[in-house]
N, C-alpha and C. Protein backbone atom coordinates (compact mmCIF):
# COMPACT_ATOMS: atom_id res chain seq x y z
N MET A 1 2.52 3.01 -17.74
CA MET A 1 1.38 3.09 -17.06
C MET A 1 1.55 3.92 -15.46
N SER A 2 0.79 4.72 -15.17
CA SER A 2 1.13 5.71 -14.11
C SER A 2 0.67 4.91 -12.58
N GLU A 3 1.16 5.42 -11.58
CA GLU A 3 0.99 4.72 -10.49
C GLU A 3 -0.64 4.95 -9.92
N HIS A 4 -1.17 6.12 -10.47
CA HIS A 4 -2.47 6.32 -10.08
C HIS A 4 -3.45 5.20 -11.11
N SER A 5 -2.95 4.91 -12.32
CA SER A 5 -3.70 4.23 -13.12
C SER A 5 -3.56 2.59 -12.68
N ILE A 6 -2.55 2.25 -12.06
CA ILE A 6 -2.12 0.88 -11.44
C ILE A 6 -3.11 0.63 -10.22
N GLN A 7 -3.06 1.92 -9.50
CA GLN A 7 -3.78 1.86 -8.27
C GLN A 7 -5.30 1.51 -8.31
N ASP A 8 -5.74 2.19 -9.76
CA ASP A 8 -7.32 2.22 -9.81
C ASP A 8 -7.73 0.62 -10.26
N ALA A 9 -6.42 -0.06 -11.27
CA ALA A 9 -6.70 -1.36 -11.49
C ALA A 9 -6.62 -2.23 -10.42
N VAL A 10 -5.89 -1.91 -9.29
CA VAL A 10 -5.69 -2.96 -8.02
C VAL A 10 -7.07 -2.72 -7.44
N ARG A 11 -7.73 -1.51 -7.03
CA ARG A 11 -8.74 -1.35 -6.24
C ARG A 11 -9.95 -2.16 -7.10
N VAL A 12 -10.15 -1.95 -8.30
CA VAL A 12 -11.26 -2.85 -9.08
C VAL A 12 -10.71 -4.27 -8.95
N ALA A 13 -9.57 -4.83 -8.92
CA ALA A 13 -9.61 -6.32 -9.02
C ALA A 13 -9.63 -6.54 -7.46
N LEU A 14 -9.23 -6.03 -6.33
CA LEU A 14 -9.68 -6.49 -5.02
C LEU A 14 -10.90 -6.56 -4.88
N SER A 15 -11.58 -5.70 -5.38
CA SER A 15 -13.07 -5.61 -5.16
C SER A 15 -13.76 -6.78 -5.65
N LYS A 16 -13.36 -7.03 -6.80
CA LYS A 16 -14.05 -8.41 -7.29
C LYS A 16 -13.75 -9.48 -6.56
N TYR A 17 -12.86 -9.69 -5.85
CA TYR A 17 -12.62 -10.69 -5.03
C TYR A 17 -13.25 -10.63 -3.71
N GLY A 18 -13.89 -9.44 -3.55
CA GLY A 18 -14.81 -9.22 -2.20
C GLY A 18 -14.24 -8.47 -1.23
N TYR A 19 -12.74 -8.07 -1.46
CA TYR A 19 -12.15 -7.21 -0.43
C TYR A 19 -12.50 -5.77 -0.35
N PHE A 20 -12.47 -5.25 1.03
CA PHE A 20 -12.99 -3.88 1.25
C PHE A 20 -11.77 -3.17 0.93
N VAL A 21 -11.50 -2.12 0.23
CA VAL A 21 -10.40 -1.36 0.09
C VAL A 21 -10.58 -0.03 -0.22
N VAL A 22 -9.95 0.99 0.35
CA VAL A 22 -9.98 2.11 0.20
C VAL A 22 -8.68 3.18 -0.02
N ARG A 23 -8.48 4.07 -0.88
CA ARG A 23 -7.34 4.75 -0.84
C ARG A 23 -7.09 5.69 0.20
N THR A 24 -5.85 5.61 0.90
CA THR A 24 -5.56 6.53 1.97
C THR A 24 -4.50 7.26 1.71
N ALA A 25 -4.82 8.50 1.95
CA ALA A 25 -3.73 9.82 1.64
C ALA A 25 -3.05 9.81 2.87
N ALA A 26 -1.73 10.29 2.81
CA ALA A 26 -0.92 10.66 3.81
C ALA A 26 -0.25 11.99 3.63
N GLY A 27 0.29 12.76 4.78
CA GLY A 27 0.97 13.62 4.40
C GLY A 27 -0.06 14.90 4.00
N ASN A 28 0.53 15.95 3.62
CA ASN A 28 -0.34 17.19 3.21
C ASN A 28 -0.71 16.96 1.82
N VAL A 29 -1.83 17.28 1.72
CA VAL A 29 -2.47 17.20 0.21
C VAL A 29 -2.68 18.75 -0.20
N GLU A 30 -2.14 19.08 -1.30
CA GLU A 30 -2.46 20.26 -1.92
C GLU A 30 -3.99 20.58 -2.46
N MET A 31 -4.63 21.52 -1.92
CA MET A 31 -6.08 21.86 -2.19
C MET A 31 -6.09 22.59 -3.51
N ALA A 32 -7.01 22.44 -4.49
CA ALA A 32 -7.25 23.10 -5.61
C ALA A 32 -7.26 24.59 -5.37
N ARG A 33 -8.10 25.21 -4.27
CA ARG A 33 -8.25 26.56 -4.00
C ARG A 33 -6.99 26.99 -3.27
N GLY A 34 -6.09 26.36 -3.11
CA GLY A 34 -4.76 26.97 -2.26
C GLY A 34 -4.56 26.37 -1.05
N GLY A 35 -3.48 26.32 -0.39
CA GLY A 35 -3.49 25.87 1.08
C GLY A 35 -3.32 24.08 0.94
N TYR A 36 -3.26 23.64 2.09
CA TYR A 36 -2.86 22.27 2.10
C TYR A 36 -3.89 21.73 3.25
N PHE A 37 -4.17 20.35 3.02
CA PHE A 37 -5.16 19.68 3.82
C PHE A 37 -4.45 18.41 4.36
N ASN A 38 -4.50 18.19 5.66
CA ASN A 38 -3.55 16.94 6.43
C ASN A 38 -4.74 15.88 6.57
N PRO A 39 -4.84 14.98 5.94
CA PRO A 39 -5.96 13.91 6.33
C PRO A 39 -5.57 13.13 7.59
N GLY A 40 -4.46 13.19 8.10
CA GLY A 40 -4.32 12.72 9.59
C GLY A 40 -3.45 11.50 9.63
N MET A 41 -3.48 10.69 8.31
CA MET A 41 -2.52 9.72 8.45
C MET A 41 -1.00 9.95 8.33
N PRO A 42 -0.26 9.37 9.16
CA PRO A 42 1.11 9.58 9.20
C PRO A 42 1.93 9.35 8.02
N ASN A 43 3.18 10.26 7.66
CA ASN A 43 3.75 9.92 6.52
C ASN A 43 4.23 8.60 6.39
N GLY A 44 4.23 7.87 5.29
CA GLY A 44 4.80 6.55 4.94
C GLY A 44 3.61 5.52 4.81
N TRP A 45 2.34 6.03 5.42
CA TRP A 45 1.17 5.26 5.39
C TRP A 45 0.99 4.77 3.84
N PRO A 46 0.67 3.50 3.67
CA PRO A 46 0.30 2.98 2.23
C PRO A 46 -0.73 3.71 1.58
N ASP A 47 -0.51 3.37 0.31
CA ASP A 47 -1.58 3.95 -0.60
C ASP A 47 -3.26 3.29 -0.41
N LEU A 48 -3.06 2.18 -0.41
CA LEU A 48 -4.48 1.52 0.19
C LEU A 48 -4.26 0.78 1.21
N THR A 49 -5.89 0.73 1.92
CA THR A 49 -5.83 0.20 3.25
C THR A 49 -6.92 -0.65 3.15
N GLY A 50 -7.05 -2.01 3.37
CA GLY A 50 -8.03 -2.94 3.19
C GLY A 50 -8.46 -3.85 4.24
N ILE A 51 -9.59 -4.63 4.08
CA ILE A 51 -9.92 -5.46 5.21
C ILE A 51 -10.63 -6.64 4.31
N ASN A 52 -9.90 -7.97 4.59
CA ASN A 52 -10.26 -8.95 3.98
C ASN A 52 -11.51 -9.53 4.88
N LEU A 53 -12.52 -9.37 4.26
CA LEU A 53 -14.02 -9.83 4.93
C LEU A 53 -14.30 -11.21 5.18
N ILE A 54 -13.33 -11.93 4.59
CA ILE A 54 -13.37 -13.58 4.83
C ILE A 54 -12.98 -13.87 6.21
N ASP A 55 -11.77 -13.40 6.42
CA ASP A 55 -11.25 -13.53 7.84
C ASP A 55 -10.81 -12.45 8.79
N ASN A 56 -11.63 -11.45 8.31
CA ASN A 56 -11.52 -10.17 9.24
C ASN A 56 -9.97 -9.52 9.46
N THR A 57 -9.20 -9.71 8.54
CA THR A 57 -7.86 -9.30 8.68
C THR A 57 -7.55 -7.89 8.02
N ILE A 58 -6.71 -7.04 8.41
CA ILE A 58 -6.48 -5.79 7.70
C ILE A 58 -5.31 -6.14 6.72
N PHE A 59 -5.13 -5.18 5.66
CA PHE A 59 -3.97 -5.28 4.74
C PHE A 59 -3.67 -3.95 4.17
N PHE A 60 -2.48 -3.83 3.76
CA PHE A 60 -2.02 -2.54 3.45
C PHE A 60 -1.22 -2.74 1.92
N ILE A 61 -1.40 -1.96 1.10
CA ILE A 61 -0.96 -2.04 -0.04
C ILE A 61 -0.17 -0.83 -0.72
N GLU A 62 1.21 -0.72 -0.72
CA GLU A 62 1.79 0.58 -1.43
C GLU A 62 2.00 0.42 -2.76
N MET A 63 1.41 1.22 -3.66
CA MET A 63 1.51 1.43 -5.14
C MET A 63 2.93 1.95 -5.52
N LYS A 64 3.52 0.94 -6.57
CA LYS A 64 4.69 1.83 -7.43
C LYS A 64 4.59 1.23 -8.56
N THR A 65 5.06 1.92 -9.42
CA THR A 65 5.42 1.60 -10.93
C THR A 65 6.40 0.49 -11.04
N PRO A 66 6.47 0.14 -12.23
CA PRO A 66 7.69 -1.15 -12.35
C PRO A 66 9.02 -0.46 -11.87
N ILE A 67 9.50 0.61 -11.72
CA ILE A 67 10.63 1.11 -11.32
C ILE A 67 10.58 2.08 -10.11
N GLY A 68 9.72 2.11 -9.50
CA GLY A 68 9.30 2.81 -8.46
C GLY A 68 9.98 2.16 -7.06
N ARG A 69 10.51 3.04 -6.08
CA ARG A 69 11.26 2.77 -5.14
C ARG A 69 10.51 3.33 -3.87
N PRO A 70 10.33 2.60 -2.54
CA PRO A 70 9.71 3.20 -1.52
C PRO A 70 10.67 4.13 -0.94
N ARG A 71 10.00 5.15 -0.39
CA ARG A 71 10.67 6.26 0.27
C ARG A 71 11.11 5.77 1.80
N PRO A 72 12.16 6.51 2.37
CA PRO A 72 12.56 6.22 3.66
C PRO A 72 11.16 6.11 4.81
N ASP A 73 10.40 7.00 4.80
CA ASP A 73 9.09 6.91 5.60
C ASP A 73 8.30 5.83 5.29
N GLN A 74 8.44 5.34 4.01
CA GLN A 74 7.61 4.18 3.69
C GLN A 74 7.99 2.82 4.19
N MET A 75 9.47 2.84 4.04
CA MET A 75 10.32 1.90 4.81
C MET A 75 10.08 1.62 6.04
N GLN A 76 10.04 2.82 6.92
CA GLN A 76 9.86 2.77 8.36
C GLN A 76 8.70 2.46 8.47
N PHE A 77 7.48 2.74 7.92
CA PHE A 77 6.07 2.04 8.13
C PHE A 77 5.98 0.45 7.85
N HIS A 78 6.83 -0.02 6.80
CA HIS A 78 6.92 -1.33 6.50
C HIS A 78 7.48 -2.16 7.59
N LYS A 79 8.75 -1.43 8.09
CA LYS A 79 9.28 -2.20 9.26
C LYS A 79 8.31 -2.27 10.32
N PHE A 80 7.57 -1.47 10.69
CA PHE A 80 6.65 -1.41 11.95
C PHE A 80 5.36 -2.72 11.63
N LEU A 81 5.13 -2.81 10.44
CA LEU A 81 4.01 -3.66 9.82
C LEU A 81 4.62 -5.06 9.86
N LYS A 82 5.88 -5.06 9.68
CA LYS A 82 6.81 -6.46 9.51
C LYS A 82 6.61 -6.87 10.95
N LYS A 83 7.24 -6.08 11.74
CA LYS A 83 7.37 -6.36 13.28
C LYS A 83 6.08 -6.99 13.96
N HIS A 84 4.93 -6.45 13.44
CA HIS A 84 3.67 -6.82 13.94
C HIS A 84 2.95 -7.98 13.13
N GLY A 85 3.72 -8.44 12.01
CA GLY A 85 3.02 -9.55 11.17
C GLY A 85 1.88 -9.27 10.47
N ILE A 86 1.51 -7.80 10.12
CA ILE A 86 0.55 -7.45 9.33
C ILE A 86 0.90 -7.43 8.03
N CYS A 87 -0.16 -8.16 7.43
CA CYS A 87 -0.11 -8.05 5.81
C CYS A 87 -0.09 -7.12 5.13
N HIS A 88 1.07 -6.96 4.15
CA HIS A 88 1.29 -5.71 3.50
C HIS A 88 2.36 -6.08 2.45
N GLY A 89 2.33 -4.88 1.55
CA GLY A 89 3.47 -5.02 0.44
C GLY A 89 3.14 -4.17 -0.55
N ILE A 90 4.41 -4.10 -1.55
CA ILE A 90 4.36 -3.54 -2.64
C ILE A 90 3.71 -3.82 -3.80
N ALA A 91 2.79 -3.50 -4.44
CA ALA A 91 1.95 -3.97 -5.69
C ALA A 91 2.36 -3.02 -6.70
N ARG A 92 2.96 -3.62 -8.04
CA ARG A 92 3.01 -2.72 -9.14
C ARG A 92 2.16 -3.29 -10.28
N SER A 93 1.17 -4.22 -9.72
CA SER A 93 0.20 -4.70 -10.61
C SER A 93 -1.11 -5.28 -9.81
N PRO A 94 -2.15 -5.47 -10.37
CA PRO A 94 -3.06 -6.02 -9.61
C PRO A 94 -2.77 -7.48 -9.31
N GLU A 95 -2.25 -8.29 -10.02
CA GLU A 95 -1.79 -9.65 -9.75
C GLU A 95 -0.90 -9.58 -8.33
N ASP A 96 0.09 -8.62 -8.12
CA ASP A 96 0.81 -8.63 -7.10
C ASP A 96 -0.13 -8.39 -5.77
N ALA A 97 -1.09 -7.45 -5.87
CA ALA A 97 -1.83 -6.87 -4.74
C ALA A 97 -2.57 -8.34 -4.45
N ILE A 98 -3.05 -9.05 -5.45
CA ILE A 98 -3.90 -10.12 -5.16
C ILE A 98 -3.19 -11.17 -4.40
N LYS A 99 -2.20 -11.40 -4.99
CA LYS A 99 -1.04 -12.34 -4.26
C LYS A 99 -0.53 -11.94 -2.87
N ILE A 100 -0.53 -10.48 -2.65
CA ILE A 100 -0.19 -10.17 -1.06
C ILE A 100 -1.33 -10.45 -0.17
N VAL A 101 -2.59 -10.32 -0.68
CA VAL A 101 -3.87 -10.39 0.22
C VAL A 101 -4.20 -11.85 0.33
N GLN A 102 -4.28 -12.59 -0.84
CA GLN A 102 -4.68 -14.02 -0.67
C GLN A 102 -3.54 -14.79 0.03
N GLY A 103 -2.32 -14.31 -0.07
CA GLY A 103 -1.37 -15.16 0.38
C GLY A 103 -0.77 -14.68 1.94
N GLN A 104 -1.76 -13.49 2.59
CA GLN A 104 -1.34 -13.02 3.88
C GLN A 104 0.01 -12.59 3.95
N LEU A 105 0.74 -12.16 2.73
CA LEU A 105 2.27 -11.86 2.84
C LEU A 105 2.40 -10.62 3.75
N CYS A 106 3.74 -10.73 4.30
CA CYS A 106 4.22 -9.57 4.98
C CYS A 106 5.57 -9.03 4.72
N GLY A 107 5.37 -8.16 3.77
CA GLY A 107 6.34 -7.36 3.23
C GLY A 107 6.63 -7.77 1.91
N TYR A 108 5.82 -8.23 1.07
CA TYR A 108 6.03 -8.73 -0.16
C TYR A 108 6.53 -7.47 -1.16
N GLY A 109 7.59 -7.51 -1.91
CA GLY A 109 8.23 -6.35 -2.66
C GLY A 109 9.00 -5.55 -2.00
N PHE A 110 9.08 -5.75 -0.50
CA PHE A 110 10.10 -4.75 0.07
C PHE A 110 11.48 -5.57 0.49
N GLU A 111 11.54 -7.02 0.19
CA GLU A 111 12.62 -7.40 0.15
C GLU A 111 13.94 -6.93 -0.25
N LYS A 112 13.76 -6.68 -1.38
CA LYS A 112 14.98 -5.98 -2.03
C LYS A 112 15.65 -4.76 -1.12
N TYR A 113 14.60 -4.02 -0.82
CA TYR A 113 15.20 -2.81 -0.10
C TYR A 113 15.45 -3.03 1.17
N ASP A 114 14.95 -4.14 1.57
CA ASP A 114 15.40 -4.51 3.19
C ASP A 114 16.99 -4.72 3.09
N ARG A 115 17.30 -5.68 1.95
CA ARG A 115 18.63 -5.99 1.96
C ARG A 115 19.58 -4.88 1.61
N GLU A 116 19.18 -3.94 0.90
CA GLU A 116 19.96 -2.57 0.55
C GLU A 116 20.30 -1.98 1.55
N GLU A 117 19.41 -1.93 2.71
CA GLU A 117 19.80 -1.17 3.75
C GLU A 117 20.72 -1.74 4.99
N LYS A 118 20.90 -2.96 4.85
CA LYS A 118 21.92 -3.69 5.61
C LYS A 118 23.31 -3.45 5.15
């Protein structure tokens, strides 16, 4: 299953629970007619940005395949979010994403990579 197809399944699953979630592109995006477009998000910004409409908190989800690893810029953004206690994590399935949001988890899925950096 591709990262994009997992992301689509996650968006559907989160919306069924009433969460507002959007795909957020970061870095330069190649345009079909040539050239690049920069949507304004900094490199490392997670794939999905959402709002828990029940408690009005924000959350971020980084999508990865079962063997995918976060890039250095994604690790840097994770550290920023973790420092501020903001709900975020790596989702490899819809179940991971629901666990992150419902549990208000901070850094779910990044733990292994945090240990590798030490």
